[in-house]
Amino acid sequence: MANEFWLSDSAWAAIDPLLPKNQPGARRVDDRRVISGIVHVLKSGCRWKDCPAVYGPSTTIYNRFNRWSWRGLWGRIFAELVAQADIPEDLSIDSTAVHAHRSAHGGKGGRKFRPSGVRAVARPPKPVPA
């Protein structure tokens, strides 16, 4: 697929020492492939079970993301990648996005006539059915 995501060699070299090793359980799926699958799901916004098979089983990808989130591993990974990144001196990030329904112009809906506060207070109370 043309829109697959794969970690670069430099990113993998920074991440690999941070990953847990010698974990108990079944034979471990390649971490680089699984992390690439996790990034693909997060970038594309697809469901975990719709992750392409080239990244491995979707259950493994979700479980690894979930377990590492609980352990705080993602924060350490991102901190390491940022520490090794070449950040330019002049940097500006703007991710402003506003989505509105095509009929979302104008004010609040409802009754067009609204009595002023003075009139609403002066009005006799509505009868309450017994």
C-alpha atoms as a PDB file:
ATOM      1  CA  MET A   1       0.000   0.000   0.000  1.00  0.00           C
ATOM      2  CA  ALA A   2       1.208   3.484  -0.803  1.00  0.00           C
ATOM      3  CA  ASN A   3      -0.002   5.047   2.450  1.00  0.00           C
ATOM      4  CA  GLU A   4       1.725   2.685   4.889  1.00  0.00           C
ATOM      5  CA  PHE A   5       3.906   4.176   7.591  1.00  0.00           C
ATOM      6  CA  TRP A   6       7.292   2.681   8.494  1.00  0.00           C
ATOM      7  CA  LEU A   7       9.707   3.938  11.131  1.00  0.00           C
ATOM      8  CA  SER A   8      12.980   5.308   9.784  1.00  0.00           C
ATOM      9  CA  ASP A   9      16.256   3.669  10.783  1.00  0.00           C
ATOM     10  CA  SER A  10      17.283   6.660  12.905  1.00  0.00           C
ATOM     11  CA  ALA A  11      13.928   6.720  14.758  1.00  0.00           C
ATOM     12  CA  TRP A  12      14.141   2.977  15.351  1.00  0.00           C
ATOM     13  CA  ALA A  13      17.713   3.277  16.677  1.00  0.00           C
ATOM     14  CA  ALA A  14      16.474   5.829  19.237  1.00  0.00           C
ATOM     15  CA  ILE A  15      13.399   3.814  20.270  1.00  0.00           C
ATOM     16  CA  ASP A  16      14.806   0.272  20.402  1.00  0.00           C
ATOM     17  CA  PRO A  17      16.770   0.602  23.684  1.00  0.00           C
ATOM     18  CA  LEU A  18      13.659   1.934  25.482  1.00  0.00           C
ATOM     19  CA  LEU A  19      11.441  -1.056  24.686  1.00  0.00           C
ATOM     20  CA  PRO A  20      10.864  -3.858  27.202  1.00  0.00           C
ATOM     21  CA  LYS A  21      12.791  -7.049  26.452  1.00  0.00           C
ATOM     22  CA  ASN A  22      12.386 -10.671  27.615  1.00  0.00           C
ATOM     23  CA  GLN A  23       8.639 -10.394  28.163  1.00  0.00           C
ATOM     24  CA  PRO A  24       6.844 -13.624  29.132  1.00  0.00           C
ATOM     25  CA  GLY A  25       4.274 -15.159  26.839  1.00  0.00           C
ATOM     26  CA  ALA A  26       4.059 -16.267  23.236  1.00  0.00           C
ATOM     27  CA  ARG A  27       6.732 -15.527  20.653  1.00  0.00           C
ATOM     28  CA  ARG A  28       6.995 -11.766  20.311  1.00  0.00           C
ATOM     29  CA  VAL A  29       5.952  -9.985  17.111  1.00  0.00           C
ATOM     30  CA  ASP A  30       8.566  -7.581  15.696  1.00  0.00           C
ATOM     31  CA  ASP A  31       8.385  -4.346  17.717  1.00  0.00           C
ATOM     32  CA  ARG A  32       9.326  -2.110  14.784  1.00  0.00           C
ATOM     33  CA  ARG A  33       6.476  -3.489  12.712  1.00  0.00           C
ATOM     34  CA  VAL A  34       3.996  -3.125  15.584  1.00  0.00           C
ATOM     35  CA  ILE A  35       5.027   0.478  16.362  1.00  0.00           C
ATOM     36  CA  SER A  36       4.707   1.319  12.671  1.00  0.00           C
ATOM     37  CA  GLY A  37       1.195  -0.171  12.786  1.00  0.00           C
ATOM     38  CA  ILE A  38       0.309   1.879  15.858  1.00  0.00           C
ATOM     39  CA  VAL A  39       1.482   5.091  14.193  1.00  0.00           C
ATOM     40  CA  HIS A  40      -0.446   4.143  11.032  1.00  0.00           C
ATOM     41  CA  VAL A  41      -3.694   3.726  13.009  1.00  0.00           C
ATOM     42  CA  LEU A  42      -3.174   6.988  14.896  1.00  0.00           C
ATOM     43  CA  LYS A  43      -2.324   8.931  11.722  1.00  0.00           C
ATOM     44  CA  SER A  44      -5.084   7.508   9.535  1.00  0.00           C
ATOM     45  CA  GLY A  45      -7.784   7.408  12.205  1.00  0.00           C
ATOM     46  CA  CYS A  46      -8.908   3.929  11.220  1.00  0.00           C
ATOM     47  CA  ARG A  47     -10.212   1.392  13.707  1.00  0.00           C
ATOM     48  CA  TRP A  48      -7.663  -0.918  15.313  1.00  0.00           C
ATOM     49  CA  LYS A  49      -9.195  -3.963  13.654  1.00  0.00           C
ATOM     50  CA  ASP A  50      -8.907  -2.279  10.230  1.00  0.00           C
ATOM     51  CA  CYS A  51      -5.136  -1.914  10.505  1.00  0.00           C
ATOM     52  CA  PRO A  52      -3.440  -3.476   7.435  1.00  0.00           C
ATOM     53  CA  ALA A  53      -2.154  -7.023   7.938  1.00  0.00           C
ATOM     54  CA  VAL A  54       1.417  -6.028   6.985  1.00  0.00           C
ATOM     55  CA  TYR A  55       1.811  -4.606  10.517  1.00  0.00           C
ATOM     56  CA  GLY A  56       0.818  -7.857  12.207  1.00  0.00           C
ATOM     57  CA  PRO A  57      -2.324  -8.933  14.038  1.00  0.00           C
ATOM     58  CA  SER A  58      -4.574  -5.997  14.898  1.00  0.00           C
ATOM     59  CA  THR A  59      -5.156  -7.399  18.387  1.00  0.00           C
ATOM     60  CA  THR A  60      -1.415  -7.378  19.049  1.00  0.00           C
ATOM     61  CA  ILE A  61      -1.118  -3.807  17.807  1.00  0.00           C
ATOM     62  CA  TYR A  62      -3.947  -2.617  20.061  1.00  0.00           C
ATOM     63  CA  ASN A  63      -2.753  -4.582  23.105  1.00  0.00           C
ATOM     64  CA  ARG A  64       0.810  -3.304  22.756  1.00  0.00           C
ATOM     65  CA  PHE A  65      -0.414   0.290  22.446  1.00  0.00           C
ATOM     66  CA  ASN A  66      -2.668  -0.129  25.485  1.00  0.00           C
ATOM     67  CA  ARG A  67      -0.066  -1.823  27.723  1.00  0.00           C
ATOM     68  CA  TRP A  68       2.651   0.665  26.847  1.00  0.00           C
ATOM     69  CA  SER A  69       0.239   3.538  27.505  1.00  0.00           C
ATOM     70  CA  TRP A  70      -0.424   2.253  31.025  1.00  0.00           C
ATOM     71  CA  ARG A  71       3.311   1.913  31.661  1.00  0.00           C
ATOM     72  CA  GLY A  72       4.065   5.451  30.432  1.00  0.00           C
ATOM     73  CA  LEU A  73       6.389   4.133  27.734  1.00  0.00           C
ATOM     74  CA  TRP A  74       5.027   6.437  25.027  1.00  0.00           C
ATOM     75  CA  GLY A  75       6.054   9.541  26.975  1.00  0.00           C
ATOM     76  CA  ARG A  76       9.616   8.232  27.248  1.00  0.00           C
ATOM     77  CA  ILE A  77       9.678   7.325  23.544  1.00  0.00           C
ATOM     78  CA  PHE A  78       8.459  10.776  22.477  1.00  0.00           C
ATOM     79  CA  ALA A  79      10.901  12.513  24.818  1.00  0.00           C
ATOM     80  CA  GLU A  80      13.791  10.532  23.320  1.00  0.00           C
ATOM     81  CA  LEU A  81      12.705  11.286  19.747  1.00  0.00           C
ATOM     82  CA  VAL A  82      12.344  15.001  20.526  1.00  0.00           C
ATOM     83  CA  ALA A  83      15.758  15.069  22.204  1.00  0.00           C
ATOM     84  CA  GLN A  84      17.376  13.659  19.066  1.00  0.00           C
ATOM     85  CA  ALA A  85      15.373  15.727  16.562  1.00  0.00           C
ATOM     86  CA  ASP A  86      16.756  18.678  14.658  1.00  0.00           C
ATOM     87  CA  ILE A  87      14.364  21.440  15.664  1.00  0.00           C
ATOM     88  CA  PRO A  88      14.724  24.682  13.682  1.00  0.00           C
ATOM     89  CA  GLU A  89      15.159  27.970  15.528  1.00  0.00           C
ATOM     90  CA  ASP A  90      12.060  29.501  13.919  1.00  0.00           C
ATOM     91  CA  LEU A  91       9.232  27.086  14.516  1.00  0.00           C
ATOM     92  CA  SER A  92       5.519  27.740  14.374  1.00  0.00           C
ATOM     93  CA  ILE A  93       2.845  25.091  14.612  1.00  0.00           C
ATOM     94  CA  ASP A  94      -0.795  25.857  13.987  1.00  0.00           C
ATOM     95  CA  SER A  95      -3.343  23.101  13.860  1.00  0.00           C
ATOM     96  CA  THR A  96      -6.450  25.228  13.894  1.00  0.00           C
ATOM     97  CA  ALA A  97      -9.408  23.484  12.331  1.00  0.00           C
ATOM     98  CA  VAL A  98     -13.023  24.520  12.533  1.00  0.00           C
ATOM     99  CA  HIS A  99     -15.717  22.209  11.252  1.00  0.00           C
ATOM    100  CA  ALA A 100     -19.281  23.454  11.113  1.00  0.00           C
ATOM    101  CA  HIS A 101     -22.453  22.080   9.629  1.00  0.00           C
ATOM    102  CA  ARG A 102     -23.532  23.920   6.500  1.00  0.00           C
ATOM    103  CA  SER A 103     -26.583  25.285   8.313  1.00  0.00           C
ATOM    104  CA  ALA A 104     -24.673  26.267  11.455  1.00  0.00           C
ATOM    105  CA  HIS A 105     -24.731  29.982  10.679  1.00  0.00           C
ATOM    106  CA  GLY A 106     -26.734  32.401  12.753  1.00  0.00           C
ATOM    107  CA  GLY A 107     -27.743  32.350  16.359  1.00  0.00           C
ATOM    108  CA  LYS A 108     -29.406  29.944  18.659  1.00  0.00           C
ATOM    109  CA  GLY A 109     -32.598  28.295  17.441  1.00  0.00           C
ATOM    110  CA  GLY A 110     -35.902  28.112  19.230  1.00  0.00           C
ATOM    111  CA  ARG A 111     -38.663  30.646  19.690  1.00  0.00           C
ATOM    112  CA  LYS A 112     -38.084  33.908  17.907  1.00  0.00           C
ATOM    113  CA  PHE A 113     -39.886  35.945  20.582  1.00  0.00           C
ATOM    114  CA  ARG A 114     -38.346  35.878  24.022  1.00  0.00           C
ATOM    115  CA  PRO A 115     -39.842  38.069  26.705  1.00  0.00           C
ATOM    116  CA  SER A 116     -37.456  40.358  28.511  1.00  0.00           C
ATOM    117  CA  GLY A 117     -36.424  39.494  32.049  1.00  0.00           C
ATOM    118  CA  VAL A 118     -38.804  42.089  33.555  1.00  0.00           C
ATOM    119  CA  ARG A 119     -41.805  40.724  31.657  1.00  0.00           C
ATOM    120  CA  ALA A 120     -40.929  37.126  32.496  1.00  0.00           C
ATOM    121  CA  VAL A 121     -40.773  37.923  36.227  1.00  0.00           C
ATOM    122  CA  ALA A 122     -44.001  40.003  36.181  1.00  0.00           C
ATOM    123  CA  ARG A 123     -45.991  37.275  34.441  1.00  0.00           C
ATOM    124  CA  PRO A 124     -48.224  35.165  36.712  1.00  0.00           C
ATOM    125  CA  PRO A 125     -46.920  31.614  37.299  1.00  0.00           C
ATOM    126  CA  LYS A 126     -48.231  28.850  35.080  1.00  0.00           C
ATOM    127  CA  PRO A 127     -50.727  26.496  36.709  1.00  0.00           C
ATOM    128  CA  VAL A 128     -49.279  23.117  37.688  1.00  0.00           C
ATOM    129  CA  PRO A 129     -51.498  20.108  36.938  1.00  0.00           C
ATOM    130  CA  ALA A 130     -52.361  18.118  40.038  1.00  0.00           C
END
